[in-house]
Every structure is written in C-alpha cells, then in structure tokens.
Amino acid sequence: MYAVGIPRPGGPEVLELVELPTPEPGPGEIRIRTAAAAVNPTDTAFRQWGPREKEGLAPPWIPGMEMAGTVDAVGEGAPWTVGDRVMAIVMPRRALGGAQAEYVVIPADGAAAIPDGISDAEASTLPMNGLTVYSALLHLGLAPGQTLGVTGAAGAVGGYAIELGKVAGLRVVADSSERDEELVRSLGPDVVVRASKNVNEEVSAFREAVPGGVDGLIDAAVLDAGALPIVKDGGALATVRFWPGPSERDIRIHPVMVGDHLHDGAEIAKLAQLVVEKRLTLRVAQTYPAAEATAAHERLQAGGTRGRLVLTF
C-alpha cells in the first residue's frame, strides 16, 4: 500500500509517498480502505518534531488522526461488514501509523457509520475535531444556561465548539475577526466579540460582553495563559495544545487529550446524527490528492484556513 510518510522531522518538503506492507486486522479490529483523511495542526507538529524518543517508532512515520473510507476486512468479533462506509479516529503514534495511508487498521469501536448525504471528505473532518470539543465540554461540565466562551471560533474546532455549545443549551460568546464575522455568526453564537492578535484587547472584548467572566472557555486560538482573564473566578478552561497551567483564581484547566477517545465511535455516531439534523456543520476548505500532502501542509501552516484541508486516496 502507499502512505504519506515522514522520513525525518522537518518542513512540509520532507513529506513523501512511501510503499509499506498492507496491514491485517486482528480480533476486534477492522481495516479501512481510505477515501479521505483530514490534515490537522497535530499532523504538522508530528511532521516537524517526529515522535517522542520513548515511543520508539522507526521512520517513516504516517500522520493523520481522522479519516473516512470503506471497511474492506473485518477481524474476529468486530461488528462491521465489508463494504460499510465509516469514519474513524486514528492514533498515528503507533507502529502502524496514522490515517494518511491507503489502508488503515483500527479498533472496531473507534469507527462510526457515515450517514447518507455526507461525503467522504466531509466525514473525515468530524472524528478528531468533533471528539476534541466533546471532550472539552465534558470536562468543563457546564449546565444549560451557563456561558461558554470560544476563542478561535472561525476555525474547525472553534466552529464545532459554538454549535455543540448551543446543542448543550449554553449561552455562547465567540470571537471573530471582521473578515470572519459572517461565517462565525452563521454558526449561531449568542454574542460575537472582536478577535485580536493583541491578547489584552481580546480579553477586554470578552470582559465587555461578560463582565464577570465566562463560566467555561474552549481556547481554540491557543492563547493558553493569556486566556485565563476571560474566565470567571472558579471557572474552567479547556486547552487544545496540552497547556496544563499554572492557573489562577481557582480556575480549573483541562488539557484536551483526544487520544483518550480512540474507542469512542459511539460518540462519533452521535456527532454524525447532529450533522444529519443540521445542528453541526462540516466544513471542507479544500481537497488534495495524497501525493500533494506537501501543498496541504504548506497551506495549513500559512494560516487563515477556514474548515479542514483533506487528502484524498
């Protein structure tokens, strides 16, 4: 099979298509013939830095944490049928590598059926990013009627945060640049505040809208410590790039670890149903053939992408 390979840490130019043995599913596993795999910031970080030494992974490394395709082999006891269309979350930091490969083997419970009317490219953008927001909301523990703040609201995670926050019955306050305001408002927040590259101005915009501070914040803009003043005393902050603190004013910090949800196909299925109900919006910015992974990484690193870039196989 072929896969997008990282032969060594570096810039987008190090990516290459590599030939690897086709993996076989074991008990409780399925093999998916990949149709589409989303490109996320976690992939560019993996490419830039490679695996941790303790992980003991030999190159080439295969990036990708979310995908869509068709089941083409089923291990003993796996509740799927050859030919099923599925989307799945994948852990790239393993010997078999990640989602950006022609064939991918995963635990059967890490997949969910793709509903009719959702394309493979669209479906590939849901598992990791959707579970990221699911995990964030779970750990923030907000009750209906409380206020959720969202930074980086125009991005893929931020957009899901707005919509899933509204599904949870929360009052959502989201940031937006002037350029993205129409997009962000279309996702349904209660209040839109002006985003700024100046953290103090960003904080001031949120505090003007919510003088006491938000009850919980999903920091998709990766402000980290800079986001703490947006949150009220005793509130909660979900971070998406593993920043653990230190905190202040008794604010709880939850670094979202989507790797904790590799067996949450049932939750992916619930997210997919929200898409069917038009309560959750899938956004594909552009597709690239897998052979053009370098171009996809270059565009993602340039910033300003709205929706997800997707590799097709």
Protein backbone atom coordinates (compact mmCIF):
# COMPACT_ATOMS: atom_id res chain seq x y z
CA MET A 1 0.00 0.00 0.00
CA TYR A 2 1.04 3.65 -0.25
CA ALA A 3 1.01 6.21 2.54
CA VAL A 4 2.06 9.77 3.30
CA GLY A 5 5.40 9.28 5.03
CA ILE A 6 7.56 11.45 7.27
CA PRO A 7 11.10 10.10 6.79
CA ARG A 8 12.62 12.62 9.22
CA PRO A 9 11.47 15.69 11.14
CA GLY A 10 11.32 18.84 9.06
CA GLY A 11 9.25 21.18 6.94
CA PRO A 12 6.46 20.26 4.53
CA GLU A 13 9.04 19.36 1.89
CA VAL A 14 10.09 16.19 3.77
CA LEU A 15 6.71 14.53 3.12
CA GLU A 16 6.73 11.77 0.52
CA LEU A 17 4.62 8.86 -0.63
CA VAL A 18 6.03 5.59 0.67
CA GLU A 19 5.25 1.93 -0.01
CA LEU A 20 4.50 -0.18 3.07
CA PRO A 21 3.05 -3.64 3.75
CA THR A 22 -0.73 -3.72 3.85
CA PRO A 23 -1.79 -4.28 7.49
CA GLU A 24 -4.14 -7.09 8.53
CA PRO A 25 -6.85 -6.66 11.17
CA GLY A 26 -6.66 -8.74 14.34
CA PRO A 27 -9.51 -9.69 16.68
CA GLY A 28 -11.79 -6.74 17.36
CA GLU A 29 -10.22 -4.68 14.55
CA ILE A 30 -11.24 -3.57 11.07
CA ARG A 31 -9.27 -2.49 8.03
CA ILE A 32 -10.48 0.58 6.18
CA ARG A 33 -9.75 1.39 2.55
CA THR A 34 -9.13 5.10 2.96
CA ALA A 35 -11.03 7.57 0.81
CA ALA A 36 -10.19 10.79 2.67
CA ALA A 37 -8.09 11.91 5.65
CA ALA A 38 -8.14 15.37 7.20
CA VAL A 39 -4.97 17.38 7.77
CA ASN A 40 -4.79 18.97 11.23
CA PRO A 41 -2.28 21.05 13.20
CA THR A 42 -1.35 17.90 15.11
CA ASP A 43 -0.09 16.49 11.79
CA THR A 44 2.15 19.46 11.07
CA ALA A 45 3.55 19.22 14.61
CA PHE A 46 4.20 15.48 14.16
CA ARG A 47 5.98 16.22 10.89
CA GLN A 48 8.04 19.00 12.41
CA TRP A 49 9.18 17.19 15.55
CA GLY A 50 8.67 13.48 14.90
CA PRO A 51 7.69 11.02 17.64
CA ARG A 52 8.95 11.17 21.20
CA GLU A 53 12.05 9.08 21.83
CA LYS A 54 10.20 6.94 24.38
CA GLU A 55 7.65 5.95 21.71
CA GLY A 56 10.38 4.04 19.87
CA LEU A 57 8.85 4.46 16.40
CA ALA A 58 11.01 3.88 13.34
CA PRO A 59 10.51 6.12 10.28
CA PRO A 60 8.76 6.66 8.01
CA TRP A 61 6.01 7.94 10.29
CA ILE A 62 2.46 8.21 8.96
CA PRO A 63 0.45 11.23 10.17
CA GLY A 64 -3.31 11.63 10.42
CA MET A 65 -5.85 11.28 13.23
CA GLU A 66 -9.18 11.22 11.38
CA MET A 67 -10.39 9.60 8.21
CA ALA A 68 -13.25 8.18 6.18
CA GLY A 69 -13.46 5.19 3.87
CA THR A 70 -14.89 1.72 3.38
CA VAL A 71 -14.41 -1.36 5.55
CA ASP A 72 -12.56 -3.93 3.44
CA ALA A 73 -11.53 -6.53 6.05
CA VAL A 74 -13.03 -7.47 9.42
CA GLY A 75 -11.22 -9.12 12.33
CA GLU A 76 -12.82 -11.73 14.53
CA GLY A 77 -15.59 -10.31 16.68
CA ALA A 78 -15.66 -6.88 15.02
CA PRO A 79 -19.26 -5.72 14.43
CA TRP A 80 -18.79 -4.37 10.92
CA THR A 81 -19.34 -5.71 7.40
CA VAL A 82 -17.10 -5.42 4.37
CA GLY A 83 -18.44 -2.52 2.32
CA ASP A 84 -19.63 -0.39 5.25
CA ARG A 85 -18.80 3.30 4.88
CA VAL A 86 -17.19 4.53 8.09
CA MET A 87 -15.35 7.46 9.62
CA ALA A 88 -12.80 6.86 12.35
CA ILE A 89 -10.33 8.33 14.78
CA VAL A 90 -6.78 7.00 14.48
CA MET A 91 -3.64 7.20 16.63
CA PRO A 92 -0.60 7.99 14.45
CA ARG A 93 1.90 7.46 17.27
CA ARG A 94 1.92 3.68 16.89
CA ALA A 95 3.81 1.17 14.77
CA LEU A 96 1.01 1.02 12.16
CA GLY A 97 0.96 4.80 11.84
CA GLY A 98 -1.95 7.14 11.27
CA ALA A 99 -4.83 7.82 8.93
CA GLN A 100 -2.99 9.10 5.86
CA ALA A 101 -2.50 5.71 4.27
CA GLU A 102 -4.26 3.64 1.60
CA TYR A 103 -5.29 1.03 4.20
CA VAL A 104 -5.66 1.64 7.94
CA VAL A 105 -6.34 -0.87 10.72
CA ILE A 106 -8.10 0.41 13.84
CA PRO A 107 -10.06 -0.93 16.82
CA ALA A 108 -13.60 -1.55 15.61
CA ASP A 109 -15.07 0.68 18.31
CA GLY A 110 -13.15 3.70 17.01
CA ALA A 111 -15.35 3.89 13.90
CA ALA A 112 -18.86 5.13 13.15
CA ALA A 113 -21.09 4.73 10.11
CA ILE A 114 -21.20 7.61 7.63
CA PRO A 115 -24.82 8.67 7.13
CA ASP A 116 -26.17 9.04 3.61
CA GLY A 117 -25.67 12.52 2.23
CA ILE A 118 -22.29 13.09 3.88
CA SER A 119 -19.30 12.82 1.56
CA ASP A 120 -16.10 11.01 2.49
CA ALA A 121 -14.19 14.30 2.56
CA GLU A 122 -16.76 15.86 4.90
CA ALA A 123 -16.88 12.79 7.13
CA SER A 124 -13.09 12.79 7.52
CA THR A 125 -13.24 16.17 9.28
CA LEU A 126 -15.54 15.04 12.10
CA PRO A 127 -13.96 12.33 14.32
CA MET A 128 -10.93 14.04 15.88
CA ASN A 129 -12.17 17.61 15.85
CA GLY A 130 -15.63 16.61 16.99
CA LEU A 131 -14.29 14.47 19.82
CA THR A 132 -11.97 17.31 20.84
CA VAL A 133 -14.97 19.54 21.51
CA TYR A 134 -16.97 16.69 23.03
CA SER A 135 -14.11 16.08 25.48
CA ALA A 136 -13.75 19.78 26.23
CA LEU A 137 -17.44 20.21 27.02
CA LEU A 138 -17.50 17.03 29.08
CA HIS A 139 -14.71 18.27 31.33
CA LEU A 140 -15.90 21.87 31.52
CA GLY A 141 -19.10 20.44 32.99
CA LEU A 142 -21.28 23.45 32.28
CA ALA A 143 -25.03 23.38 32.95
CA PRO A 144 -27.63 24.64 30.46
CA GLY A 145 -27.87 28.40 30.64
CA GLN A 146 -24.25 28.93 31.67
CA THR A 147 -21.88 30.87 29.43
CA LEU A 148 -19.31 29.23 27.17
CA GLY A 149 -16.57 31.34 25.61
CA VAL A 150 -14.88 30.26 22.39
CA THR A 151 -11.62 31.68 21.06
CA GLY A 152 -10.52 30.86 17.52
CA ALA A 153 -14.19 30.50 16.67
CA ALA A 154 -13.76 30.63 12.88
CA GLY A 155 -11.56 27.54 12.83
CA ALA A 156 -12.69 23.91 12.67
CA VAL A 157 -12.56 23.27 16.43
CA GLY A 158 -14.00 26.69 17.22
CA GLY A 159 -16.90 26.19 14.85
CA TYR A 160 -17.79 22.84 16.41
CA ALA A 161 -17.47 24.44 19.86
CA ILE A 162 -20.07 27.07 19.00
CA GLU A 163 -22.56 24.59 17.60
CA LEU A 164 -22.09 21.87 20.21
CA GLY A 165 -22.28 24.52 22.92
CA LYS A 166 -25.68 25.55 21.61
CA VAL A 167 -26.77 21.89 21.44
CA ALA A 168 -25.83 21.67 25.13
CA GLY A 169 -28.08 24.62 25.93
CA LEU A 170 -25.26 27.05 26.70
CA ARG A 171 -25.03 30.77 26.07
CA VAL A 172 -22.11 31.01 23.63
CA VAL A 173 -19.82 34.02 23.29
CA ALA A 174 -17.43 33.63 20.37
CA ASP A 175 -14.67 35.76 18.94
CA SER A 176 -14.28 36.74 15.31
CA SER A 177 -12.20 38.95 13.08
CA GLU A 178 -14.06 41.38 10.87
CA ARG A 179 -13.28 39.13 7.90
CA ASP A 180 -14.83 36.05 9.51
CA GLU A 181 -17.81 37.64 11.23
CA GLU A 182 -20.42 36.46 8.71
CA LEU A 183 -19.11 32.89 8.98
CA VAL A 184 -18.99 32.90 12.78
CA ARG A 185 -22.47 34.41 13.10
CA SER A 186 -23.82 31.74 10.76
CA LEU A 187 -22.78 29.10 13.31
CA GLY A 188 -25.20 30.54 15.86
CA PRO A 189 -23.37 32.11 18.83
CA ASP A 190 -25.40 34.37 21.12
CA VAL A 191 -22.72 37.07 21.18
CA VAL A 192 -19.78 37.78 18.84
CA VAL A 193 -16.82 39.79 20.13
CA ARG A 194 -13.94 41.16 18.11
CA ALA A 195 -10.92 38.88 17.94
CA SER A 196 -7.48 40.45 18.20
CA LYS A 197 -3.87 39.35 17.89
CA ASN A 198 -3.32 41.53 20.94
CA VAL A 199 -4.26 39.27 23.86
CA ASN A 200 -5.18 42.19 26.13
CA GLU A 201 -7.62 43.50 23.52
CA GLU A 202 -9.11 40.01 23.13
CA VAL A 203 -9.60 39.75 26.89
CA SER A 204 -11.17 43.21 27.03
CA ALA A 205 -13.66 42.29 24.29
CA PHE A 206 -14.81 39.20 26.20
CA ARG A 207 -14.95 41.04 29.52
CA GLU A 208 -17.04 43.81 27.98
CA ALA A 209 -19.53 41.19 26.80
CA VAL A 210 -19.37 39.14 30.02
CA PRO A 211 -18.11 41.43 32.79
CA GLY A 212 -17.84 38.67 35.39
CA GLY A 213 -16.04 36.30 33.03
CA VAL A 214 -17.34 33.23 31.20
CA ASP A 215 -18.17 30.06 33.13
CA GLY A 216 -16.07 27.96 30.78
CA LEU A 217 -13.80 28.62 27.81
CA ILE A 218 -12.70 26.47 24.88
CA ASP A 219 -9.42 28.05 23.82
CA ALA A 220 -9.21 27.03 20.16
CA ALA A 221 -6.98 30.05 19.49
CA VAL A 222 -4.32 28.55 21.80
CA LEU A 223 -3.94 31.67 23.94
CA ASP A 224 -3.08 29.40 26.90
CA ALA A 225 -2.23 31.56 29.95
CA GLY A 226 -3.40 34.62 28.02
CA ALA A 227 -6.94 33.22 28.03
CA LEU A 228 -7.23 32.93 31.81
CA PRO A 229 -8.54 36.51 32.35
CA ILE A 230 -11.52 35.69 30.10
CA VAL A 231 -12.71 33.10 32.65
CA LYS A 232 -14.51 33.93 35.87
CA ASP A 233 -13.16 33.05 39.32
CA GLY A 234 -13.68 29.32 39.85
CA GLY A 235 -14.50 28.74 36.18
CA ALA A 236 -12.93 26.28 33.77
CA LEU A 237 -10.64 26.40 30.73
CA ALA A 238 -10.21 23.67 28.11
CA THR A 239 -6.91 23.90 26.22
CA VAL A 240 -6.29 22.12 22.92
CA ARG A 241 -2.48 22.06 22.77
CA PHE A 242 -1.75 20.37 26.11
CA TRP A 243 -1.06 23.55 28.13
CA PRO A 244 -1.64 22.46 31.76
CA GLY A 245 -1.22 25.72 33.65
CA PRO A 246 -0.36 27.12 36.14
CA SER A 247 -3.80 28.52 36.80
CA GLU A 248 -5.14 31.39 38.88
CA ARG A 249 -8.30 32.33 40.80
CA ASP A 250 -9.28 28.67 41.27
CA ILE A 251 -9.82 28.21 37.51
CA ARG A 252 -9.79 24.52 36.53
CA ILE A 253 -7.68 23.69 33.49
CA HIS A 254 -8.40 20.68 31.29
CA PRO A 255 -5.87 19.91 28.52
CA VAL A 256 -7.92 18.02 25.94
CA MET A 257 -6.30 14.65 25.13
CA VAL A 258 -8.20 13.31 22.15
CA GLY A 259 -6.08 10.16 22.38
CA ASP A 260 -8.25 9.29 25.40
CA HIS A 261 -11.17 8.81 23.00
CA LEU A 262 -9.80 6.28 20.50
CA HIS A 263 -12.64 3.87 21.31
CA ASP A 264 -15.44 6.44 21.21
CA GLY A 265 -17.01 5.52 17.89
CA ALA A 266 -20.40 5.70 19.57
CA GLU A 267 -19.82 9.38 20.31
CA ILE A 268 -18.72 9.99 16.71
CA ALA A 269 -22.02 8.43 15.64
CA LYS A 270 -23.92 10.89 17.85
CA LEU A 271 -22.00 13.77 16.29
CA ALA A 272 -22.83 12.44 12.83
CA GLN A 273 -26.53 12.43 13.73
CA LEU A 274 -26.26 16.11 14.65
CA VAL A 275 -24.85 16.71 11.17
CA VAL A 276 -27.86 14.93 9.66
CA GLU A 277 -30.12 17.14 11.79
CA LYS A 278 -28.23 20.22 10.51
CA ARG A 279 -27.17 21.16 14.02
CA LEU A 280 -23.48 20.59 13.29
CA THR A 281 -21.69 21.89 10.19
CA LEU A 282 -18.89 20.06 8.37
CA ARG A 283 -16.55 22.40 6.51
CA VAL A 284 -14.03 21.24 3.91
CA ALA A 285 -11.75 24.08 2.83
CA GLN A 286 -10.03 22.18 0.01
CA THR A 287 -9.10 18.65 -1.03
CA TYR A 288 -5.69 17.49 -2.29
CA PRO A 289 -4.57 14.16 -3.71
CA ALA A 290 -2.40 12.35 -1.15
CA ALA A 291 0.60 12.93 -3.43
CA GLU A 292 0.17 16.68 -2.76
CA ALA A 293 0.40 16.43 1.03
CA THR A 294 3.26 18.94 0.99
CA ALA A 295 0.96 21.58 -0.53
CA ALA A 296 -1.71 20.88 2.07
CA HIS A 297 0.79 21.28 4.93
CA GLU A 298 2.12 24.50 3.41
CA ARG A 299 -1.36 25.96 3.18
CA LEU A 300 -2.27 24.94 6.73
CA GLN A 301 0.92 26.45 8.14
CA ALA A 302 0.28 29.70 6.27
CA GLY A 303 -2.79 30.23 8.48
CA GLY A 304 -6.23 31.56 7.72
CA THR A 305 -7.76 28.22 6.65
CA ARG A 306 -11.48 28.09 7.36
CA GLY A 307 -12.60 24.48 7.58
CA ARG A 308 -10.32 21.49 7.12
CA LEU A 309 -7.92 20.56 4.36
CA VAL A 310 -8.43 16.95 3.25
CA LEU A 311 -6.21 14.44 1.47
CA THR A 312 -7.93 12.02 -0.92
CA PHE A 313 -6.75 8.47 -1.65
